[in-house]
Amino acid sequence: MRFSSWSCGTLDQLYTLHRVLEGLWEFAQPVHMCFVDLEKAFDRVPRGILWGVLREYGVQGPLLRAVRSLYEPEQELGSHCRQGRRESGLGTTGFHLCFLRMMLSWLASSGQDLQHVLKRFAAECEAAGMRISTSKSEAMVLDRKRVACPLQVGGEVLPQVEEFKYLGVLFTSEGKIEREIDRRIGAASAVMRSVYRTVVVKKELSRKAKLSIYRSIYVPTLTYGHELWVMTERTRSRIQVAEMSFLHRVAGRSLRDRVRSSVTREELGVEPLLLRSIERGVS
């Protein structure tokens, strides 16, 4: 079974993979996984195929010609223009991230089956001028006991890990999502620390501007991948504490003021959309 990060939305990929692993864990079925990263995918993708994909996405005419100008050699303009194009980062940043970030996840019921699939995939990649990155690809086994999974690509053994961050979400060999929730709360706390003096408690900044940062940066960081979470009371409480730590400070309060969260929400005009969003995700 293959999951790729470019066949549909990121959350669709994450949710599907999580539900598959969750079901297999429930019935004590081991899962051998390989997270495959392609080596220098951006440089190796045939440009003709790239232009065809862009046309399928509706990129036509002047816009398509502008994109092609970022990649195709401009002999009449000389090497200085080509160097400037690379230094601008437009080619290697924009469309690399949008179209050519190729990360796949392969699943099988046994290490032998997974090795067979991986060997065939590696051969197909070689035929297309692509190559699996043995330094970035990793193996993991979801099982109630520790199981070895010595996968090989081109004679090199892929490292086996106990956890892997796939599309921004941490998957563990124990099948637990609590570690990912810890990461989300920690990442949100890091965001608040980074903007604490310049945004959160800065008196010259309006509440409207602060809440804009809250909605556009803090909340997405805290809730990314929440469709995978099981909303226990403990998880609900932890998310509320993380959320209100930002809002209370925007309102000029601290925990020692002992003001109810509902009062702060009403004062700031912020509804508890976060929890409703999480509940919709697991309904």
C-alpha atoms as a PDB file:
ATOM      1  CA  MET A   1       0.000   0.000   0.000  1.00  0.00           C
ATOM      2  CA  ARG A   2       1.365   3.401  -0.967  1.00  0.00           C
ATOM      3  CA  PHE A   3       0.646   6.873   0.347  1.00  0.00           C
ATOM      4  CA  SER A   4       2.135   9.800  -1.555  1.00  0.00           C
ATOM      5  CA  SER A   5       2.182  13.455  -0.547  1.00  0.00           C
ATOM      6  CA  TRP A   6       1.248  14.720  -3.997  1.00  0.00           C
ATOM      7  CA  SER A   7      -1.833  12.692  -4.983  1.00  0.00           C
ATOM      8  CA  CYS A   8      -4.277  14.655  -2.805  1.00  0.00           C
ATOM      9  CA  GLY A   9      -4.419  17.013   0.156  1.00  0.00           C
ATOM     10  CA  THR A  10      -1.966  16.669   3.021  1.00  0.00           C
ATOM     11  CA  LEU A  11      -4.681  16.154   5.625  1.00  0.00           C
ATOM     12  CA  ASP A  12      -6.330  13.489   3.465  1.00  0.00           C
ATOM     13  CA  GLN A  13      -3.025  11.617   3.361  1.00  0.00           C
ATOM     14  CA  LEU A  14      -2.467  11.930   7.097  1.00  0.00           C
ATOM     15  CA  TYR A  15      -5.997  10.955   8.072  1.00  0.00           C
ATOM     16  CA  THR A  16      -6.044   7.922   5.773  1.00  0.00           C
ATOM     17  CA  LEU A  17      -2.652   6.687   6.954  1.00  0.00           C
ATOM     18  CA  HIS A  18      -3.602   7.202  10.604  1.00  0.00           C
ATOM     19  CA  ARG A  19      -6.883   5.300  10.271  1.00  0.00           C
ATOM     20  CA  VAL A  20      -5.171   2.392   8.520  1.00  0.00           C
ATOM     21  CA  LEU A  21      -2.518   2.154  11.234  1.00  0.00           C
ATOM     22  CA  GLU A  22      -5.117   2.574  13.973  1.00  0.00           C
ATOM     23  CA  GLY A  23      -7.213  -0.298  12.627  1.00  0.00           C
ATOM     24  CA  LEU A  24      -4.250  -2.639  12.240  1.00  0.00           C
ATOM     25  CA  TRP A  25      -3.004  -1.796  15.748  1.00  0.00           C
ATOM     26  CA  GLU A  26      -6.452  -2.570  17.189  1.00  0.00           C
ATOM     27  CA  PHE A  27      -6.362  -6.076  15.703  1.00  0.00           C
ATOM     28  CA  ALA A  28      -2.695  -6.598  16.681  1.00  0.00           C
ATOM     29  CA  GLN A  29      -1.572  -6.757  13.057  1.00  0.00           C
ATOM     30  CA  PRO A  30       2.053  -5.652  12.561  1.00  0.00           C
ATOM     31  CA  VAL A  31       2.766  -3.082   9.881  1.00  0.00           C
ATOM     32  CA  HIS A  32       6.137  -2.689   8.179  1.00  0.00           C
ATOM     33  CA  MET A  33       6.564   0.841   6.834  1.00  0.00           C
ATOM     34  CA  CYS A  34       9.066   2.629   4.698  1.00  0.00           C
ATOM     35  CA  PHE A  35       9.077   6.400   4.367  1.00  0.00           C
ATOM     36  CA  VAL A  36      10.708   7.043   1.005  1.00  0.00           C
ATOM     37  CA  ASP A  37      12.345  10.302  -0.031  1.00  0.00           C
ATOM     38  CA  LEU A  38      13.539  10.781  -3.599  1.00  0.00           C
ATOM     39  CA  GLU A  39      17.047  12.135  -4.082  1.00  0.00           C
ATOM     40  CA  LYS A  40      17.264  15.542  -5.769  1.00  0.00           C
ATOM     41  CA  ALA A  41      13.716  15.155  -7.067  1.00  0.00           C
ATOM     42  CA  PHE A  42      13.566  18.762  -8.208  1.00  0.00           C
ATOM     43  CA  ASP A  43      16.623  18.486 -10.445  1.00  0.00           C
ATOM     44  CA  ARG A  44      15.677  15.108 -11.912  1.00  0.00           C
ATOM     45  CA  VAL A  45      12.050  15.673 -12.936  1.00  0.00           C
ATOM     46  CA  PRO A  46      11.780  15.977 -16.766  1.00  0.00           C
ATOM     47  CA  ARG A  47      10.729  19.528 -17.567  1.00  0.00           C
ATOM     48  CA  GLY A  48       8.280  18.396 -20.263  1.00  0.00           C
ATOM     49  CA  ILE A  49       6.322  16.406 -17.684  1.00  0.00           C
ATOM     50  CA  LEU A  50       6.322  19.382 -15.335  1.00  0.00           C
ATOM     51  CA  TRP A  51       4.832  21.667 -17.985  1.00  0.00           C
ATOM     52  CA  GLY A  52       2.162  19.064 -18.727  1.00  0.00           C
ATOM     53  CA  VAL A  53       1.196  18.871 -15.048  1.00  0.00           C
ATOM     54  CA  LEU A  54       0.951  22.651 -14.872  1.00  0.00           C
ATOM     55  CA  ARG A  55      -1.369  22.667 -17.880  1.00  0.00           C
ATOM     56  CA  GLU A  56      -3.586  20.104 -16.162  1.00  0.00           C
ATOM     57  CA  TYR A  57      -3.798  22.484 -13.209  1.00  0.00           C
ATOM     58  CA  GLY A  58      -4.953  25.254 -15.530  1.00  0.00           C
ATOM     59  CA  VAL A  59      -1.667  27.142 -15.835  1.00  0.00           C
ATOM     60  CA  GLN A  60      -1.676  28.431 -19.404  1.00  0.00           C
ATOM     61  CA  GLY A  61      -0.417  31.192 -21.667  1.00  0.00           C
ATOM     62  CA  PRO A  62       1.748  33.991 -20.258  1.00  0.00           C
ATOM     63  CA  LEU A  63       1.826  32.484 -16.769  1.00  0.00           C
ATOM     64  CA  LEU A  64       3.148  29.160 -18.046  1.00  0.00           C
ATOM     65  CA  ARG A  65       5.766  30.953 -20.163  1.00  0.00           C
ATOM     66  CA  ALA A  66       6.828  32.945 -17.102  1.00  0.00           C
ATOM     67  CA  VAL A  67       7.266  29.755 -15.083  1.00  0.00           C
ATOM     68  CA  ARG A  68       9.225  28.070 -17.876  1.00  0.00           C
ATOM     69  CA  SER A  69      11.529  31.071 -18.068  1.00  0.00           C
ATOM     70  CA  LEU A  70      12.649  30.328 -14.500  1.00  0.00           C
ATOM     71  CA  TYR A  71      13.928  26.879 -15.455  1.00  0.00           C
ATOM     72  CA  GLU A  72      14.891  26.723 -19.097  1.00  0.00           C
ATOM     73  CA  PRO A  73      18.371  27.910 -20.173  1.00  0.00           C
ATOM     74  CA  GLU A  74      18.462  31.460 -21.511  1.00  0.00           C
ATOM     75  CA  GLN A  75      21.403  31.222 -23.898  1.00  0.00           C
ATOM     76  CA  GLU A  76      20.825  34.676 -25.298  1.00  0.00           C
ATOM     77  CA  LEU A  77      20.998  36.265 -21.833  1.00  0.00           C
ATOM     78  CA  GLY A  78      24.233  34.606 -20.755  1.00  0.00           C
ATOM     79  CA  SER A  79      25.304  32.854 -17.576  1.00  0.00           C
ATOM     80  CA  HIS A  80      24.769  35.891 -15.348  1.00  0.00           C
ATOM     81  CA  CYS A  81      21.015  35.643 -15.808  1.00  0.00           C
ATOM     82  CA  ARG A  82      21.046  31.914 -15.048  1.00  0.00           C
ATOM     83  CA  GLN A  83      23.030  32.519 -11.877  1.00  0.00           C
ATOM     84  CA  GLY A  84      20.649  35.266 -10.816  1.00  0.00           C
ATOM     85  CA  ARG A  85      17.726  32.962 -11.396  1.00  0.00           C
ATOM     86  CA  ARG A  86      19.181  30.383  -9.049  1.00  0.00           C
ATOM     87  CA  GLU A  87      20.056  32.919  -6.404  1.00  0.00           C
ATOM     88  CA  SER A  88      16.574  34.400  -6.479  1.00  0.00           C
ATOM     89  CA  GLY A  89      15.203  31.183  -5.007  1.00  0.00           C
ATOM     90  CA  LEU A  90      12.081  31.292  -7.176  1.00  0.00           C
ATOM     91  CA  GLY A  91      12.854  28.031  -8.888  1.00  0.00           C
ATOM     92  CA  THR A  92      14.193  26.057  -5.972  1.00  0.00           C
ATOM     93  CA  THR A  93      11.726  27.358  -3.395  1.00  0.00           C
ATOM     94  CA  GLY A  94       8.330  28.092  -4.911  1.00  0.00           C
ATOM     95  CA  PHE A  95       7.624  25.291  -7.323  1.00  0.00           C
ATOM     96  CA  HIS A  96       9.868  22.812  -5.562  1.00  0.00           C
ATOM     97  CA  LEU A  97       7.685  22.998  -2.476  1.00  0.00           C
ATOM     98  CA  CYS A  98       4.413  23.177  -4.383  1.00  0.00           C
ATOM     99  CA  PHE A  99       4.862  20.436  -6.944  1.00  0.00           C
ATOM    100  CA  LEU A 100       8.023  18.413  -6.461  1.00  0.00           C
ATOM    101  CA  ARG A 101       8.301  17.513  -2.815  1.00  0.00           C
ATOM    102  CA  MET A 102       8.064  13.735  -3.282  1.00  0.00           C
ATOM    103  CA  MET A 103       7.666  11.854  -0.019  1.00  0.00           C
ATOM    104  CA  LEU A 104       5.937   8.485  -0.067  1.00  0.00           C
ATOM    105  CA  SER A 105       4.976   5.992   2.585  1.00  0.00           C
ATOM    106  CA  TRP A 106       4.908   2.277   1.735  1.00  0.00           C
ATOM    107  CA  LEU A 107       3.112  -0.229   3.981  1.00  0.00           C
ATOM    108  CA  ALA A 108       3.206  -4.031   4.017  1.00  0.00           C
ATOM    109  CA  SER A 109       2.313  -6.860   6.371  1.00  0.00           C
ATOM    110  CA  SER A 110       5.858  -8.234   6.409  1.00  0.00           C
ATOM    111  CA  GLY A 111       9.397  -7.016   5.873  1.00  0.00           C
ATOM    112  CA  GLN A 112       9.818  -9.436   2.961  1.00  0.00           C
ATOM    113  CA  ASP A 113       6.797  -8.044   1.127  1.00  0.00           C
ATOM    114  CA  LEU A 114       7.924  -4.489   1.771  1.00  0.00           C
ATOM    115  CA  GLN A 115      11.430  -5.248   0.470  1.00  0.00           C
ATOM    116  CA  HIS A 116       9.931  -6.689  -2.719  1.00  0.00           C
ATOM    117  CA  VAL A 117       7.787  -3.596  -3.297  1.00  0.00           C
ATOM    118  CA  LEU A 118      10.665  -1.269  -2.493  1.00  0.00           C
ATOM    119  CA  LYS A 119      12.963  -3.084  -4.949  1.00  0.00           C
ATOM    120  CA  ARG A 120      10.409  -2.728  -7.749  1.00  0.00           C
ATOM    121  CA  PHE A 121       9.835   0.934  -6.926  1.00  0.00           C
ATOM    122  CA  ALA A 122      13.570   1.639  -6.906  1.00  0.00           C
ATOM    123  CA  ALA A 123      13.868   0.036 -10.350  1.00  0.00           C
ATOM    124  CA  GLU A 124      11.012   2.171 -11.686  1.00  0.00           C
ATOM    125  CA  CYS A 125      12.669   5.270 -10.264  1.00  0.00           C
ATOM    126  CA  GLU A 126      15.969   4.410 -11.930  1.00  0.00           C
ATOM    127  CA  ALA A 127      14.191   3.913 -15.249  1.00  0.00           C
ATOM    128  CA  ALA A 128      12.649   7.379 -14.919  1.00  0.00           C
ATOM    129  CA  GLY A 129      15.956   8.992 -13.963  1.00  0.00           C
ATOM    130  CA  MET A 130      15.018   9.266 -10.279  1.00  0.00           C
ATOM    131  CA  ARG A 131      16.732   7.767  -7.262  1.00  0.00           C
ATOM    132  CA  ILE A 132      15.711   6.881  -3.709  1.00  0.00           C
ATOM    133  CA  SER A 133      17.642   8.815  -1.074  1.00  0.00           C
ATOM    134  CA  THR A 134      19.088   6.197   1.277  1.00  0.00           C
ATOM    135  CA  SER A 135      20.139   8.892   3.753  1.00  0.00           C
ATOM    136  CA  LYS A 136      16.622  10.339   4.156  1.00  0.00           C
ATOM    137  CA  SER A 137      14.440   7.253   3.670  1.00  0.00           C
ATOM    138  CA  GLU A 138      13.711   5.279   6.858  1.00  0.00           C
ATOM    139  CA  ALA A 139      11.950   2.101   7.970  1.00  0.00           C
ATOM    140  CA  MET A 140       9.623   1.640  10.928  1.00  0.00           C
ATOM    141  CA  VAL A 141       7.532  -1.226  12.290  1.00  0.00           C
ATOM    142  CA  LEU A 142       4.228  -0.664  14.058  1.00  0.00           C
ATOM    143  CA  ASP A 143       3.967  -3.576  16.475  1.00  0.00           C
ATOM    144  CA  ARG A 144       3.412  -4.319  20.153  1.00  0.00           C
ATOM    145  CA  LYS A 145       6.921  -5.737  20.335  1.00  0.00           C
ATOM    146  CA  ARG A 146      10.186  -4.625  18.806  1.00  0.00           C
ATOM    147  CA  VAL A 147      10.706  -6.133  15.344  1.00  0.00           C
ATOM    148  CA  ALA A 148      13.653  -5.645  13.002  1.00  0.00           C
ATOM    149  CA  CYS A 149      13.028  -4.455   9.442  1.00  0.00           C
ATOM    150  CA  PRO A 150      16.344  -4.481   7.516  1.00  0.00           C
ATOM    151  CA  LEU A 151      15.267  -2.893   4.228  1.00  0.00           C
ATOM    152  CA  GLN A 152      17.877  -2.339   1.522  1.00  0.00           C
ATOM    153  CA  VAL A 153      18.106  -0.014  -1.456  1.00  0.00           C
ATOM    154  CA  GLY A 154      21.016  -0.465  -3.834  1.00  0.00           C
ATOM    155  CA  GLY A 155      22.886  -2.587  -1.279  1.00  0.00           C
ATOM    156  CA  GLU A 156      22.515   0.029   1.472  1.00  0.00           C
ATOM    157  CA  VAL A 157      20.463  -0.738   4.581  1.00  0.00           C
ATOM    158  CA  LEU A 158      17.905   1.905   5.448  1.00  0.00           C
ATOM    159  CA  PRO A 159      17.929   3.091   9.071  1.00  0.00           C
ATOM    160  CA  GLN A 160      15.097   1.784  11.242  1.00  0.00           C
ATOM    161  CA  VAL A 161      13.514   4.351  13.552  1.00  0.00           C
ATOM    162  CA  GLU A 162      10.991   4.368  16.393  1.00  0.00           C
ATOM    163  CA  GLU A 163       9.303   7.528  15.161  1.00  0.00           C
ATOM    164  CA  PHE A 164       9.041   9.444  11.920  1.00  0.00           C
ATOM    165  CA  LYS A 165       7.662  12.872  11.043  1.00  0.00           C
ATOM    166  CA  TYR A 166       5.565  12.420   7.907  1.00  0.00           C
ATOM    167  CA  LEU A 167       4.021  15.537   6.339  1.00  0.00           C
ATOM    168  CA  GLY A 168       4.594  17.412   9.584  1.00  0.00           C
ATOM    169  CA  VAL A 169       2.958  14.833  11.891  1.00  0.00           C
ATOM    170  CA  LEU A 170       4.870  12.449  14.154  1.00  0.00           C
ATOM    171  CA  PHE A 171       4.092   8.748  13.763  1.00  0.00           C
ATOM    172  CA  THR A 172       5.543   6.323  16.324  1.00  0.00           C
ATOM    173  CA  SER A 173       6.141   2.576  16.361  1.00  0.00           C
ATOM    174  CA  GLU A 174       3.853   2.358  19.391  1.00  0.00           C
ATOM    175  CA  GLY A 175       0.899   3.785  17.496  1.00  0.00           C
ATOM    176  CA  LYS A 176       0.338   6.588  19.998  1.00  0.00           C
ATOM    177  CA  ILE A 177      -0.667  10.117  19.031  1.00  0.00           C
ATOM    178  CA  GLU A 178       0.096  11.696  22.425  1.00  0.00           C
ATOM    179  CA  ARG A 179       3.663  12.482  21.351  1.00  0.00           C
ATOM    180  CA  GLU A 180       2.321  14.480  18.417  1.00  0.00           C
ATOM    181  CA  ILE A 181      -0.053  16.435  20.678  1.00  0.00           C
ATOM    182  CA  ASP A 182       2.919  17.240  22.912  1.00  0.00           C
ATOM    183  CA  ARG A 183       4.790  18.505  19.836  1.00  0.00           C
ATOM    184  CA  ARG A 184       1.897  20.696  18.756  1.00  0.00           C
ATOM    185  CA  ILE A 185       1.587  22.309  22.182  1.00  0.00           C
ATOM    186  CA  GLY A 186       5.352  22.784  22.348  1.00  0.00           C
ATOM    187  CA  ALA A 187       5.437  24.342  18.887  1.00  0.00           C
ATOM    188  CA  ALA A 188       2.622  26.731  19.821  1.00  0.00           C
ATOM    189  CA  SER A 189       4.483  27.699  22.994  1.00  0.00           C
ATOM    190  CA  ALA A 190       7.569  28.408  20.907  1.00  0.00           C
ATOM    191  CA  VAL A 191       5.502  30.686  18.667  1.00  0.00           C
ATOM    192  CA  MET A 192       4.231  32.622  21.654  1.00  0.00           C
ATOM    193  CA  ARG A 193       7.744  32.998  23.073  1.00  0.00           C
ATOM    194  CA  SER A 194       9.013  34.299  19.747  1.00  0.00           C
ATOM    195  CA  VAL A 195       6.329  36.999  19.505  1.00  0.00           C
ATOM    196  CA  TYR A 196       5.790  37.653  23.207  1.00  0.00           C
ATOM    197  CA  ARG A 197       7.577  40.992  23.476  1.00  0.00           C
ATOM    198  CA  THR A 198       7.082  42.180  19.914  1.00  0.00           C
ATOM    199  CA  VAL A 199       3.378  41.291  19.655  1.00  0.00           C
ATOM    200  CA  VAL A 200       1.594  39.745  22.633  1.00  0.00           C
ATOM    201  CA  VAL A 201       2.415  42.286  25.358  1.00  0.00           C
ATOM    202  CA  LYS A 202       3.373  45.241  23.174  1.00  0.00           C
ATOM    203  CA  LYS A 203       1.114  48.109  24.248  1.00  0.00           C
ATOM    204  CA  GLU A 204       1.511  50.014  20.981  1.00  0.00           C
ATOM    205  CA  LEU A 205      -0.028  47.119  19.049  1.00  0.00           C
ATOM    206  CA  SER A 206      -3.817  46.923  18.827  1.00  0.00           C
ATOM    207  CA  ARG A 207      -5.763  43.900  20.011  1.00  0.00           C
ATOM    208  CA  LYS A 208      -7.018  43.431  16.474  1.00  0.00           C
ATOM    209  CA  ALA A 209      -3.454  42.999  15.221  1.00  0.00           C
ATOM    210  CA  LYS A 210      -2.600  40.622  18.072  1.00  0.00           C
ATOM    211  CA  LEU A 211      -5.677  38.489  17.393  1.00  0.00           C
ATOM    212  CA  SER A 212      -4.727  38.407  13.726  1.00  0.00           C
ATOM    213  CA  ILE A 213      -1.413  36.797  14.718  1.00  0.00           C
ATOM    214  CA  TYR A 214      -3.319  34.457  17.021  1.00  0.00           C
ATOM    215  CA  ARG A 215      -5.645  33.261  14.246  1.00  0.00           C
ATOM    216  CA  SER A 216      -3.138  33.138  11.396  1.00  0.00           C
ATOM    217  CA  ILE A 217      -0.097  31.669  13.170  1.00  0.00           C
ATOM    218  CA  TYR A 218      -0.756  30.452  16.701  1.00  0.00           C
ATOM    219  CA  VAL A 219      -3.955  28.457  16.130  1.00  0.00           C
ATOM    220  CA  PRO A 220      -2.754  26.691  12.924  1.00  0.00           C
ATOM    221  CA  THR A 221       0.484  25.735  14.693  1.00  0.00           C
ATOM    222  CA  LEU A 222      -1.417  24.371  17.689  1.00  0.00           C
ATOM    223  CA  THR A 223      -4.045  22.439  15.737  1.00  0.00           C
ATOM    224  CA  TYR A 224      -2.228  21.137  12.658  1.00  0.00           C
ATOM    225  CA  GLY A 225      -3.242  17.513  12.138  1.00  0.00           C
ATOM    226  CA  HIS A 226      -5.897  17.639  14.868  1.00  0.00           C
ATOM    227  CA  GLU A 227      -8.166  15.457  12.708  1.00  0.00           C
ATOM    228  CA  LEU A 228      -6.058  12.538  13.958  1.00  0.00           C
ATOM    229  CA  TRP A 229      -6.543  13.267  17.647  1.00  0.00           C
ATOM    230  CA  VAL A 230      -8.831  11.465  20.064  1.00  0.00           C
ATOM    231  CA  MET A 231     -10.479  14.191  22.110  1.00  0.00           C
ATOM    232  CA  THR A 232     -10.216  12.919  25.672  1.00  0.00           C
ATOM    233  CA  GLU A 233     -10.951  15.279  28.529  1.00  0.00           C
ATOM    234  CA  ARG A 234      -7.233  15.523  29.262  1.00  0.00           C
ATOM    235  CA  THR A 235      -6.446  16.489  25.667  1.00  0.00           C
ATOM    236  CA  ARG A 236      -9.306  18.980  25.615  1.00  0.00           C
ATOM    237  CA  SER A 237      -8.027  20.575  28.808  1.00  0.00           C
ATOM    238  CA  ARG A 238      -4.444  20.803  27.534  1.00  0.00           C
ATOM    239  CA  ILE A 239      -5.514  22.466  24.293  1.00  0.00           C
ATOM    240  CA  GLN A 240      -7.685  24.952  26.169  1.00  0.00           C
ATOM    241  CA  VAL A 241      -4.814  25.839  28.499  1.00  0.00           C
ATOM    242  CA  ALA A 242      -2.477  26.403  25.547  1.00  0.00           C
ATOM    243  CA  GLU A 243      -5.084  28.498  23.765  1.00  0.00           C
ATOM    244  CA  MET A 244      -5.986  30.641  26.752  1.00  0.00           C
ATOM    245  CA  SER A 245      -2.342  31.266  27.666  1.00  0.00           C
ATOM    246  CA  PHE A 246      -2.183  33.396  24.515  1.00  0.00           C
ATOM    247  CA  LEU A 247      -5.605  35.025  24.843  1.00  0.00           C
ATOM    248  CA  HIS A 248      -5.234  35.933  28.529  1.00  0.00           C
ATOM    249  CA  ARG A 249      -1.992  37.756  27.760  1.00  0.00           C
ATOM    250  CA  VAL A 250      -3.552  39.575  24.829  1.00  0.00           C
ATOM    251  CA  ALA A 251      -6.211  40.767  27.277  1.00  0.00           C
ATOM    252  CA  GLY A 252      -3.451  41.927  29.650  1.00  0.00           C
ATOM    253  CA  ARG A 253      -4.043  39.227  32.242  1.00  0.00           C
ATOM    254  CA  SER A 254      -2.112  36.375  33.788  1.00  0.00           C
ATOM    255  CA  LEU A 255      -3.218  33.145  35.453  1.00  0.00           C
ATOM    256  CA  ARG A 256      -2.890  34.801  38.851  1.00  0.00           C
ATOM    257  CA  ASP A 257      -5.774  37.135  37.992  1.00  0.00           C
ATOM    258  CA  ARG A 258      -8.152  34.150  38.193  1.00  0.00           C
ATOM    259  CA  VAL A 259     -10.455  35.397  35.435  1.00  0.00           C
ATOM    260  CA  ARG A 260     -12.636  32.825  33.712  1.00  0.00           C
ATOM    261  CA  SER A 261     -11.747  31.903  30.151  1.00  0.00           C
ATOM    262  CA  SER A 262     -15.305  32.720  29.044  1.00  0.00           C
ATOM    263  CA  VAL A 263     -14.877  36.295  30.297  1.00  0.00           C
ATOM    264  CA  THR A 264     -11.648  36.755  28.356  1.00  0.00           C
ATOM    265  CA  ARG A 265     -13.206  35.252  25.231  1.00  0.00           C
ATOM    266  CA  GLU A 266     -16.218  37.540  25.445  1.00  0.00           C
ATOM    267  CA  GLU A 267     -14.009  40.584  25.999  1.00  0.00           C
ATOM    268  CA  LEU A 268     -11.842  39.745  22.971  1.00  0.00           C
ATOM    269  CA  GLY A 269     -14.729  38.563  20.821  1.00  0.00           C
ATOM    270  CA  VAL A 270     -13.132  35.160  20.288  1.00  0.00           C
ATOM    271  CA  GLU A 271     -15.408  32.141  20.125  1.00  0.00           C
ATOM    272  CA  PRO A 272     -14.143  28.647  21.021  1.00  0.00           C
ATOM    273  CA  LEU A 273     -13.911  27.649  17.344  1.00  0.00           C
ATOM    274  CA  LEU A 274     -10.855  25.552  18.089  1.00  0.00           C
ATOM    275  CA  LEU A 275     -12.686  22.881  20.068  1.00  0.00           C
ATOM    276  CA  ARG A 276     -15.576  22.696  17.616  1.00  0.00           C
ATOM    277  CA  SER A 277     -13.061  22.228  14.819  1.00  0.00           C
ATOM    278  CA  ILE A 278     -11.400  19.353  16.663  1.00  0.00           C
ATOM    279  CA  GLU A 279     -14.731  17.687  17.395  1.00  0.00           C
ATOM    280  CA  ARG A 280     -15.742  17.899  13.727  1.00  0.00           C
ATOM    281  CA  GLY A 281     -12.426  16.294  12.820  1.00  0.00           C
ATOM    282  CA  VAL A 282     -13.124  13.131  14.823  1.00  0.00           C
ATOM    283  CA  SER A 283     -16.865  12.893  14.317  1.00  0.00           C
END
